[in-house]
Amino acid sequence: MFVTQKYYISLLCAILFAGATGVSALPFNDDMVHDQLSVGEVMRSAPKGSIPLGANEHYVKDKAAAAELKNPISGDEQSTKNGKRLWDVNCSACHGLWTGAGFERAIPLETGLMLGPDLTADFYKGKSDGELYAAIQFGGLAVMPRYGWKLSPKEHWDIVNYVRHLQNGK
């Protein structure tokens, strides 16, 4: 009985602490856990007939439509620089941080943990810009979460341009 009371007291303290500090579920939890259960949907269902705030000609409904997009942002120095900044914050933990001599993983491969692939591999060089955009927007095949809700279409293209920059060995 003592263990049960101790457990409930600990649980109550955790709930009160979370409520007092305003801690709630993180916005990406649903994406991380249920990613492939709702392929082709945005993080939360939009009301019928609504248009997302800030939607433009690059708003796409599913991966197939995104894969057909053509990159409207030139891979100039500014776009690549912005793509690197976004990569370092959003992508490098899984895909690695480019050091100039190759990718340096935040988590070594020897740990056996599943990590994102090296996007400078030939397989990814053959992907279209739209396919890379689709992976950022709707998530990857395995565990990559969707970033469509977090990044603007321009930021998607900046990351694509940075990946292309890396693939060219620059």
N, C-alpha and C. Protein backbone atom coordinates (compact mmCIF):
# COMPACT_ATOMS: atom_id res chain seq x y z
N MET A 1 0.82 -1.20 0.00
CA MET A 1 0.00 0.00 0.00
C MET A 1 0.86 1.25 0.00
N PHE A 2 1.99 1.21 0.74
CA PHE A 2 2.86 2.37 0.83
C PHE A 2 3.40 2.76 -0.54
N VAL A 3 3.80 1.77 -1.36
CA VAL A 3 4.34 2.05 -2.69
C VAL A 3 3.28 2.72 -3.56
N THR A 4 2.05 2.23 -3.46
CA THR A 4 0.97 2.81 -4.25
C THR A 4 0.73 4.26 -3.87
N GLN A 5 0.71 4.56 -2.57
CA GLN A 5 0.50 5.94 -2.13
C GLN A 5 1.66 6.82 -2.58
N LYS A 6 2.87 6.31 -2.47
CA LYS A 6 4.05 7.07 -2.89
C LYS A 6 3.98 7.36 -4.39
N TYR A 7 3.56 6.38 -5.16
CA TYR A 7 3.42 6.55 -6.60
C TYR A 7 2.41 7.65 -6.92
N TYR A 8 1.24 7.60 -6.29
CA TYR A 8 0.20 8.58 -6.57
C TYR A 8 0.61 9.98 -6.11
N ILE A 9 1.33 10.08 -5.03
CA ILE A 9 1.81 11.38 -4.56
C ILE A 9 2.80 11.94 -5.57
N SER A 10 3.72 11.11 -6.07
CA SER A 10 4.69 11.55 -7.08
C SER A 10 3.98 11.99 -8.36
N LEU A 11 2.99 11.21 -8.77
CA LEU A 11 2.22 11.56 -9.97
C LEU A 11 1.49 12.88 -9.79
N LEU A 12 0.88 13.07 -8.64
CA LEU A 12 0.16 14.30 -8.36
C LEU A 12 1.12 15.49 -8.37
N CYS A 13 2.29 15.34 -7.77
CA CYS A 13 3.29 16.41 -7.76
C CYS A 13 3.72 16.76 -9.19
N ALA A 14 3.92 15.75 -10.03
CA ALA A 14 4.32 16.00 -11.42
C ALA A 14 3.23 16.75 -12.17
N ILE A 15 1.99 16.37 -11.96
CA ILE A 15 0.87 17.05 -12.64
C ILE A 15 0.76 18.49 -12.17
N LEU A 16 0.87 18.71 -10.87
CA LEU A 16 0.79 20.07 -10.33
C LEU A 16 1.95 20.92 -10.83
N PHE A 17 3.16 20.35 -10.88
CA PHE A 17 4.32 21.09 -11.39
C PHE A 17 4.11 21.47 -12.85
N ALA A 18 3.64 20.51 -13.65
CA ALA A 18 3.40 20.78 -15.07
C ALA A 18 2.36 21.87 -15.25
N GLY A 19 1.29 21.81 -14.47
CA GLY A 19 0.24 22.83 -14.56
C GLY A 19 0.72 24.20 -14.12
N ALA A 20 1.53 24.23 -13.06
CA ALA A 20 2.01 25.50 -12.52
C ALA A 20 3.02 26.16 -13.46
N THR A 21 3.78 25.36 -14.17
CA THR A 21 4.81 25.92 -15.06
C THR A 21 4.32 26.09 -16.49
N GLY A 22 3.10 25.67 -16.78
CA GLY A 22 2.56 25.82 -18.13
C GLY A 22 3.07 24.78 -19.11
N VAL A 23 3.69 23.71 -18.62
CA VAL A 23 4.22 22.67 -19.50
C VAL A 23 3.06 21.86 -20.07
N SER A 24 3.07 21.68 -21.34
CA SER A 24 2.05 20.85 -21.99
C SER A 24 2.75 20.01 -23.05
N ALA A 25 2.01 19.29 -23.82
CA ALA A 25 2.60 18.45 -24.86
C ALA A 25 3.35 19.31 -25.86
N LEU A 26 4.48 18.82 -26.31
CA LEU A 26 5.24 19.55 -27.31
C LEU A 26 4.52 19.47 -28.64
N PRO A 27 4.65 20.50 -29.48
CA PRO A 27 3.88 20.53 -30.72
C PRO A 27 4.22 19.43 -31.70
N PHE A 28 5.40 18.82 -31.60
CA PHE A 28 5.78 17.80 -32.56
C PHE A 28 5.51 16.38 -32.07
N ASN A 29 5.00 16.21 -30.87
CA ASN A 29 4.80 14.86 -30.34
C ASN A 29 3.91 14.01 -31.25
N ASP A 30 2.79 14.53 -31.69
CA ASP A 30 1.90 13.76 -32.55
C ASP A 30 2.59 13.35 -33.84
N ASP A 31 3.36 14.25 -34.42
CA ASP A 31 4.07 13.94 -35.65
C ASP A 31 5.08 12.83 -35.44
N MET A 32 5.81 12.90 -34.34
CA MET A 32 6.86 11.91 -34.09
C MET A 32 6.27 10.52 -33.85
N VAL A 33 5.16 10.45 -33.16
CA VAL A 33 4.58 9.17 -32.79
C VAL A 33 3.69 8.59 -33.88
N HIS A 34 2.92 9.42 -34.52
CA HIS A 34 1.90 8.94 -35.46
C HIS A 34 2.21 9.31 -36.91
N ASP A 35 3.46 9.53 -37.23
CA ASP A 35 3.83 10.07 -38.54
C ASP A 35 3.26 9.28 -39.70
N GLN A 36 3.48 7.97 -39.77
CA GLN A 36 3.05 7.22 -40.94
C GLN A 36 1.59 6.78 -40.86
N LEU A 37 0.92 7.03 -39.75
CA LEU A 37 -0.49 6.68 -39.65
C LEU A 37 -1.36 7.67 -40.40
N SER A 38 -0.83 8.85 -40.65
CA SER A 38 -1.64 9.87 -41.32
C SER A 38 -0.87 10.48 -42.48
N VAL A 39 -0.29 9.64 -43.30
CA VAL A 39 0.50 10.11 -44.44
C VAL A 39 -0.36 10.99 -45.33
N GLY A 40 0.22 12.10 -45.73
CA GLY A 40 -0.47 13.00 -46.64
C GLY A 40 -1.36 14.01 -45.96
N GLU A 41 -1.39 14.02 -44.65
CA GLU A 41 -2.20 15.00 -43.94
C GLU A 41 -1.29 15.99 -43.23
N VAL A 42 -1.81 17.19 -43.01
CA VAL A 42 -1.06 18.14 -42.21
C VAL A 42 -1.19 17.76 -40.75
N MET A 43 -0.43 18.41 -39.89
CA MET A 43 -0.38 18.00 -38.49
C MET A 43 -1.77 17.95 -37.86
N ARG A 44 -2.55 18.95 -38.08
CA ARG A 44 -3.92 18.98 -37.56
C ARG A 44 -4.86 19.23 -38.74
N SER A 45 -6.00 18.61 -38.71
CA SER A 45 -6.94 18.78 -39.81
C SER A 45 -7.43 20.21 -39.87
N ALA A 46 -7.45 20.74 -41.08
CA ALA A 46 -7.96 22.10 -41.29
C ALA A 46 -9.47 22.03 -41.53
N PRO A 47 -10.19 23.06 -41.12
CA PRO A 47 -11.62 23.10 -41.41
C PRO A 47 -11.86 23.08 -42.92
N LYS A 48 -12.93 22.43 -43.33
CA LYS A 48 -13.24 22.33 -44.76
C LYS A 48 -13.37 23.72 -45.37
N GLY A 49 -12.79 23.88 -46.55
CA GLY A 49 -12.89 25.13 -47.28
C GLY A 49 -11.93 26.21 -46.80
N SER A 50 -11.11 25.92 -45.80
CA SER A 50 -10.18 26.94 -45.30
C SER A 50 -8.87 26.89 -46.07
N ILE A 51 -8.17 28.00 -46.06
CA ILE A 51 -6.86 28.10 -46.68
C ILE A 51 -5.88 28.46 -45.57
N PRO A 52 -4.78 27.72 -45.44
CA PRO A 52 -3.83 28.00 -44.37
C PRO A 52 -3.32 29.43 -44.43
N LEU A 53 -3.15 30.04 -43.28
CA LEU A 53 -2.60 31.39 -43.19
C LEU A 53 -1.23 31.41 -43.84
N GLY A 54 -1.00 32.33 -44.73
CA GLY A 54 0.28 32.42 -45.41
C GLY A 54 0.40 31.48 -46.59
N ALA A 55 -0.67 30.78 -46.95
CA ALA A 55 -0.61 29.85 -48.08
C ALA A 55 -0.30 30.61 -49.36
N ASN A 56 0.44 29.97 -50.22
CA ASN A 56 0.78 30.58 -51.49
C ASN A 56 0.78 29.51 -52.57
N GLU A 57 1.39 29.80 -53.68
CA GLU A 57 1.37 28.84 -54.79
C GLU A 57 2.14 27.56 -54.48
N HIS A 58 2.88 27.52 -53.37
CA HIS A 58 3.65 26.33 -53.03
C HIS A 58 2.94 25.46 -51.99
N TYR A 59 1.73 25.82 -51.60
CA TYR A 59 0.99 24.99 -50.67
C TYR A 59 0.58 23.71 -51.40
N VAL A 60 0.91 22.58 -50.84
CA VAL A 60 0.61 21.30 -51.47
C VAL A 60 -0.13 20.40 -50.49
N LYS A 61 -0.94 19.51 -51.04
CA LYS A 61 -1.80 18.68 -50.22
C LYS A 61 -1.16 17.34 -49.83
N ASP A 62 -0.29 16.79 -50.69
CA ASP A 62 0.29 15.48 -50.39
C ASP A 62 1.69 15.36 -51.00
N LYS A 63 2.35 14.24 -50.71
CA LYS A 63 3.73 14.03 -51.18
C LYS A 63 3.84 14.02 -52.70
N ALA A 64 2.87 13.41 -53.35
CA ALA A 64 2.91 13.32 -54.81
C ALA A 64 2.89 14.71 -55.45
N ALA A 65 2.03 15.58 -54.93
CA ALA A 65 1.96 16.95 -55.45
C ALA A 65 3.24 17.72 -55.15
N ALA A 66 3.79 17.51 -53.96
CA ALA A 66 5.03 18.21 -53.59
C ALA A 66 6.19 17.75 -54.45
N ALA A 67 6.24 16.47 -54.78
CA ALA A 67 7.35 15.92 -55.57
C ALA A 67 7.39 16.52 -56.97
N GLU A 68 6.27 17.04 -57.45
CA GLU A 68 6.20 17.64 -58.79
C GLU A 68 6.64 19.10 -58.81
N LEU A 69 6.84 19.70 -57.65
CA LEU A 69 7.22 21.11 -57.59
C LEU A 69 8.60 21.35 -58.18
N LYS A 70 8.77 22.50 -58.77
CA LYS A 70 10.07 22.94 -59.27
C LYS A 70 10.59 24.02 -58.33
N ASN A 71 11.86 23.99 -58.05
CA ASN A 71 12.47 24.93 -57.11
C ASN A 71 12.46 26.35 -57.68
N PRO A 72 11.70 27.26 -57.07
CA PRO A 72 11.64 28.64 -57.57
C PRO A 72 12.73 29.55 -56.98
N ILE A 73 13.48 29.03 -56.01
CA ILE A 73 14.51 29.83 -55.34
C ILE A 73 15.87 29.44 -55.90
N SER A 74 16.60 30.42 -56.42
CA SER A 74 17.93 30.09 -56.95
C SER A 74 18.84 29.70 -55.79
N GLY A 75 19.77 28.82 -56.07
CA GLY A 75 20.70 28.35 -55.05
C GLY A 75 21.82 29.34 -54.82
N ASP A 76 21.49 30.63 -54.68
CA ASP A 76 22.51 31.65 -54.50
C ASP A 76 23.10 31.59 -53.08
N GLU A 77 24.06 32.44 -52.83
CA GLU A 77 24.77 32.42 -51.55
C GLU A 77 23.84 32.67 -50.37
N GLN A 78 22.90 33.60 -50.52
CA GLN A 78 21.99 33.93 -49.41
C GLN A 78 21.07 32.75 -49.08
N SER A 79 20.51 32.11 -50.10
CA SER A 79 19.64 30.96 -49.87
C SER A 79 20.40 29.81 -49.23
N THR A 80 21.61 29.55 -49.72
CA THR A 80 22.44 28.47 -49.17
C THR A 80 22.81 28.77 -47.72
N LYS A 81 23.14 30.02 -47.43
CA LYS A 81 23.50 30.41 -46.06
C LYS A 81 22.31 30.23 -45.12
N ASN A 82 21.13 30.64 -45.57
CA ASN A 82 19.92 30.45 -44.77
C ASN A 82 19.60 28.96 -44.62
N GLY A 83 19.79 28.18 -45.70
CA GLY A 83 19.58 26.74 -45.64
C GLY A 83 20.50 26.07 -44.64
N LYS A 84 21.75 26.51 -44.57
CA LYS A 84 22.70 25.95 -43.61
C LYS A 84 22.23 26.24 -42.18
N ARG A 85 21.78 27.47 -41.94
CA ARG A 85 21.30 27.84 -40.61
C ARG A 85 20.11 26.96 -40.22
N LEU A 86 19.19 26.77 -41.13
CA LEU A 86 18.02 25.93 -40.86
C LEU A 86 18.42 24.47 -40.69
N TRP A 87 19.36 23.99 -41.51
CA TRP A 87 19.86 22.62 -41.40
C TRP A 87 20.47 22.39 -40.02
N ASP A 88 21.34 23.32 -39.59
CA ASP A 88 22.02 23.16 -38.31
C ASP A 88 21.03 23.05 -37.16
N VAL A 89 19.92 23.77 -37.25
CA VAL A 89 18.93 23.77 -36.17
C VAL A 89 17.97 22.58 -36.27
N ASN A 90 17.51 22.25 -37.45
CA ASN A 90 16.43 21.27 -37.62
C ASN A 90 16.87 19.88 -38.10
N CYS A 91 17.98 19.80 -38.82
CA CYS A 91 18.32 18.55 -39.51
C CYS A 91 19.57 17.86 -38.99
N SER A 92 20.50 18.63 -38.46
CA SER A 92 21.82 18.09 -38.16
C SER A 92 21.83 17.04 -37.05
N ALA A 93 20.89 17.08 -36.14
CA ALA A 93 20.88 16.09 -35.06
C ALA A 93 20.77 14.67 -35.61
N CYS A 94 20.02 14.49 -36.69
CA CYS A 94 19.85 13.16 -37.27
C CYS A 94 20.73 12.93 -38.50
N HIS A 95 20.83 13.92 -39.36
CA HIS A 95 21.55 13.75 -40.63
C HIS A 95 23.03 14.09 -40.51
N GLY A 96 23.41 14.80 -39.48
CA GLY A 96 24.82 15.15 -39.27
C GLY A 96 25.10 16.61 -39.57
N LEU A 97 26.16 17.08 -38.97
CA LEU A 97 26.60 18.47 -39.14
C LEU A 97 27.78 18.47 -40.10
N TRP A 98 27.69 19.28 -41.14
CA TRP A 98 28.75 19.33 -42.13
C TRP A 98 29.93 20.10 -41.55
N THR A 99 31.10 19.48 -41.54
CA THR A 99 32.29 20.11 -40.96
C THR A 99 33.26 20.61 -42.02
N GLY A 100 32.99 20.35 -43.27
CA GLY A 100 33.91 20.72 -44.35
C GLY A 100 34.71 19.52 -44.82
N ALA A 101 34.92 18.55 -43.92
CA ALA A 101 35.63 17.33 -44.28
C ALA A 101 34.68 16.15 -44.31
N GLY A 102 33.42 16.40 -44.18
CA GLY A 102 32.41 15.35 -44.16
C GLY A 102 31.41 15.60 -43.05
N PHE A 103 30.49 14.66 -42.90
CA PHE A 103 29.46 14.80 -41.87
C PHE A 103 29.97 14.30 -40.54
N GLU A 104 29.67 15.05 -39.51
CA GLU A 104 29.97 14.63 -38.15
C GLU A 104 28.63 14.39 -37.46
N ARG A 105 28.42 13.19 -37.01
CA ARG A 105 27.16 12.81 -36.39
C ARG A 105 27.12 13.23 -34.93
N ALA A 106 25.96 13.74 -34.50
CA ALA A 106 25.78 14.07 -33.09
C ALA A 106 25.76 12.79 -32.26
N ILE A 107 25.20 11.73 -32.83
CA ILE A 107 25.16 10.42 -32.18
C ILE A 107 25.95 9.47 -33.07
N PRO A 108 27.05 8.89 -32.56
CA PRO A 108 27.86 7.99 -33.39
C PRO A 108 27.06 6.79 -33.90
N LEU A 109 27.38 6.33 -35.10
CA LEU A 109 26.68 5.19 -35.70
C LEU A 109 26.83 3.92 -34.87
N GLU A 110 27.92 3.82 -34.11
CA GLU A 110 28.17 2.62 -33.32
C GLU A 110 27.11 2.38 -32.24
N THR A 111 26.35 3.40 -31.90
CA THR A 111 25.33 3.24 -30.86
C THR A 111 24.20 2.34 -31.32
N GLY A 112 24.06 2.18 -32.64
CA GLY A 112 22.99 1.36 -33.18
C GLY A 112 21.66 2.08 -33.26
N LEU A 113 21.63 3.35 -32.87
CA LEU A 113 20.39 4.12 -32.96
C LEU A 113 20.12 4.48 -34.42
N MET A 114 18.85 4.51 -34.78
CA MET A 114 18.49 4.84 -36.16
C MET A 114 18.73 6.33 -36.39
N LEU A 115 19.48 6.64 -37.40
CA LEU A 115 19.77 8.02 -37.73
C LEU A 115 19.35 8.30 -39.16
N GLY A 116 19.22 9.58 -39.47
CA GLY A 116 18.87 9.97 -40.83
C GLY A 116 20.01 9.65 -41.78
N PRO A 117 19.70 9.40 -43.03
CA PRO A 117 20.74 9.05 -44.00
C PRO A 117 21.62 10.24 -44.37
N ASP A 118 22.76 9.94 -44.92
CA ASP A 118 23.68 10.95 -45.45
C ASP A 118 23.11 11.39 -46.80
N LEU A 119 22.65 12.62 -46.87
CA LEU A 119 21.97 13.09 -48.08
C LEU A 119 22.94 13.45 -49.21
N THR A 120 24.23 13.28 -48.98
CA THR A 120 25.19 13.48 -50.07
C THR A 120 25.45 12.20 -50.84
N ALA A 121 24.80 11.10 -50.44
CA ALA A 121 24.94 9.82 -51.15
C ALA A 121 24.31 9.92 -52.54
N ASP A 122 24.79 9.11 -53.46
CA ASP A 122 24.31 9.14 -54.85
C ASP A 122 22.80 8.96 -54.96
N PHE A 123 22.23 8.11 -54.10
CA PHE A 123 20.79 7.87 -54.15
C PHE A 123 20.01 9.17 -53.99
N TYR A 124 20.45 10.03 -53.08
CA TYR A 124 19.74 11.29 -52.83
C TYR A 124 20.09 12.37 -53.85
N LYS A 125 21.25 12.24 -54.48
CA LYS A 125 21.58 13.17 -55.55
C LYS A 125 20.62 13.01 -56.71
N GLY A 126 20.09 11.79 -56.89
CA GLY A 126 19.16 11.51 -57.98
C GLY A 126 17.72 11.96 -57.71
N LYS A 127 17.44 12.37 -56.50
CA LYS A 127 16.09 12.84 -56.16
C LYS A 127 15.88 14.25 -56.73
N SER A 128 14.66 14.53 -57.13
CA SER A 128 14.35 15.87 -57.62
C SER A 128 14.24 16.83 -56.45
N ASP A 129 14.32 18.12 -56.74
CA ASP A 129 14.15 19.12 -55.69
C ASP A 129 12.77 18.99 -55.04
N GLY A 130 11.77 18.68 -55.85
CA GLY A 130 10.42 18.49 -55.32
C GLY A 130 10.33 17.32 -54.36
N GLU A 131 11.06 16.25 -54.64
CA GLU A 131 11.05 15.09 -53.73
C GLU A 131 11.70 15.43 -52.39
N LEU A 132 12.77 16.22 -52.42
CA LEU A 132 13.39 16.67 -51.17
C LEU A 132 12.43 17.59 -50.41
N TYR A 133 11.76 18.48 -51.14
CA TYR A 133 10.77 19.36 -50.54
C TYR A 133 9.66 18.53 -49.87
N ALA A 134 9.21 17.49 -50.57
CA ALA A 134 8.14 16.63 -50.04
C ALA A 134 8.57 15.95 -48.74
N ALA A 135 9.83 15.50 -48.68
CA ALA A 135 10.32 14.85 -47.46
C ALA A 135 10.35 15.83 -46.29
N ILE A 136 10.72 17.08 -46.56
CA ILE A 136 10.72 18.10 -45.49
C ILE A 136 9.28 18.40 -45.07
N GLN A 137 8.41 18.57 -46.04
CA GLN A 137 7.01 18.94 -45.77
C GLN A 137 6.24 17.84 -45.05
N PHE A 138 6.35 16.59 -45.54
CA PHE A 138 5.50 15.51 -45.05
C PHE A 138 6.25 14.43 -44.27
N GLY A 139 7.55 14.55 -44.12
CA GLY A 139 8.31 13.56 -43.37
C GLY A 139 8.89 12.50 -44.27
N GLY A 140 9.80 11.73 -43.70
CA GLY A 140 10.48 10.69 -44.45
C GLY A 140 9.80 9.35 -44.34
N LEU A 141 10.45 8.34 -44.86
CA LEU A 141 9.89 7.00 -44.89
C LEU A 141 9.88 6.34 -43.52
N ALA A 142 10.88 6.58 -42.72
CA ALA A 142 10.98 5.85 -41.45
C ALA A 142 10.53 6.71 -40.27
N VAL A 143 11.43 7.49 -39.72
CA VAL A 143 11.10 8.23 -38.50
C VAL A 143 11.20 9.74 -38.65
N MET A 144 11.52 10.22 -39.82
CA MET A 144 11.66 11.67 -39.97
C MET A 144 10.30 12.34 -39.80
N PRO A 145 10.22 13.31 -38.89
CA PRO A 145 8.95 14.01 -38.69
C PRO A 145 8.69 15.00 -39.80
N ARG A 146 7.46 15.45 -39.88
CA ARG A 146 7.07 16.49 -40.84
C ARG A 146 7.50 17.85 -40.32
N TYR A 147 7.95 18.71 -41.22
CA TYR A 147 8.29 20.08 -40.86
C TYR A 147 7.41 21.09 -41.60
N GLY A 148 6.39 20.63 -42.29
CA GLY A 148 5.52 21.52 -43.03
C GLY A 148 4.87 22.58 -42.18
N TRP A 149 4.56 22.23 -40.96
CA TRP A 149 3.91 23.18 -40.05
C TRP A 149 4.90 24.18 -39.47
N LYS A 150 6.17 23.84 -39.50
CA LYS A 150 7.19 24.64 -38.83
C LYS A 150 7.91 25.60 -39.76
N LEU A 151 8.14 25.18 -40.99
CA LEU A 151 8.95 25.95 -41.92
C LEU A 151 8.10 26.49 -43.06
N SER A 152 8.45 27.68 -43.52
CA SER A 152 7.75 28.27 -44.66
C SER A 152 8.21 27.58 -45.94
N PRO A 153 7.46 27.73 -47.04
CA PRO A 153 7.92 27.17 -48.31
C PRO A 153 9.31 27.67 -48.71
N LYS A 154 9.60 28.94 -48.49
CA LYS A 154 10.93 29.46 -48.82
C LYS A 154 12.01 28.76 -47.99
N GLU A 155 11.72 28.51 -46.71
CA GLU A 155 12.70 27.81 -45.87
C GLU A 155 12.91 26.37 -46.33
N HIS A 156 11.84 25.74 -46.81
CA HIS A 156 11.97 24.40 -47.40
C HIS A 156 12.99 24.45 -48.54
N TRP A 157 12.79 25.42 -49.45
CA TRP A 157 13.65 25.52 -50.63
C TRP A 157 15.08 25.89 -50.24
N ASP A 158 15.25 26.71 -49.20
CA ASP A 158 16.60 27.05 -48.74
C ASP A 158 17.33 25.80 -48.25
N ILE A 159 16.62 24.92 -47.55
CA ILE A 159 17.23 23.66 -47.09
C ILE A 159 17.56 22.78 -48.30
N VAL A 160 16.66 22.70 -49.27
CA VAL A 160 16.92 21.93 -50.48
C VAL A 160 18.18 22.48 -51.17
N ASN A 161 18.29 23.80 -51.27
CA ASN A 161 19.46 24.41 -51.91
C ASN A 161 20.73 24.10 -51.12
N TYR A 162 20.65 24.07 -49.80
CA TYR A 162 21.82 23.73 -49.00
C TYR A 162 22.23 22.27 -49.21
N VAL A 163 21.23 21.38 -49.28
CA VAL A 163 21.53 19.97 -49.55
C VAL A 163 22.21 19.83 -50.91
N ARG A 164 21.72 20.53 -51.92
CA ARG A 164 22.34 20.49 -53.25
C ARG A 164 23.78 21.04 -53.19
N HIS A 165 23.97 22.07 -52.39
CA HIS A 165 25.29 22.66 -52.18
C HIS A 165 26.24 21.60 -51.60
N LEU A 166 25.77 20.87 -50.59
CA LEU A 166 26.58 19.80 -49.99
C LEU A 166 26.85 18.67 -50.98
N GLN A 167 25.84 18.33 -51.76
CA GLN A 167 25.98 17.25 -52.73
C GLN A 167 27.02 17.58 -53.81
N ASN A 168 27.19 18.85 -54.08
CA ASN A 168 28.18 19.27 -55.07
C ASN A 168 29.58 19.36 -54.47
N GLY A 169 29.70 19.00 -53.19
CA GLY A 169 31.01 18.96 -52.54
C GLY A 169 31.58 20.31 -52.19
N LYS A 170 30.72 21.27 -51.94
CA LYS A 170 31.20 22.63 -51.63
C LYS A 170 31.26 22.86 -50.15
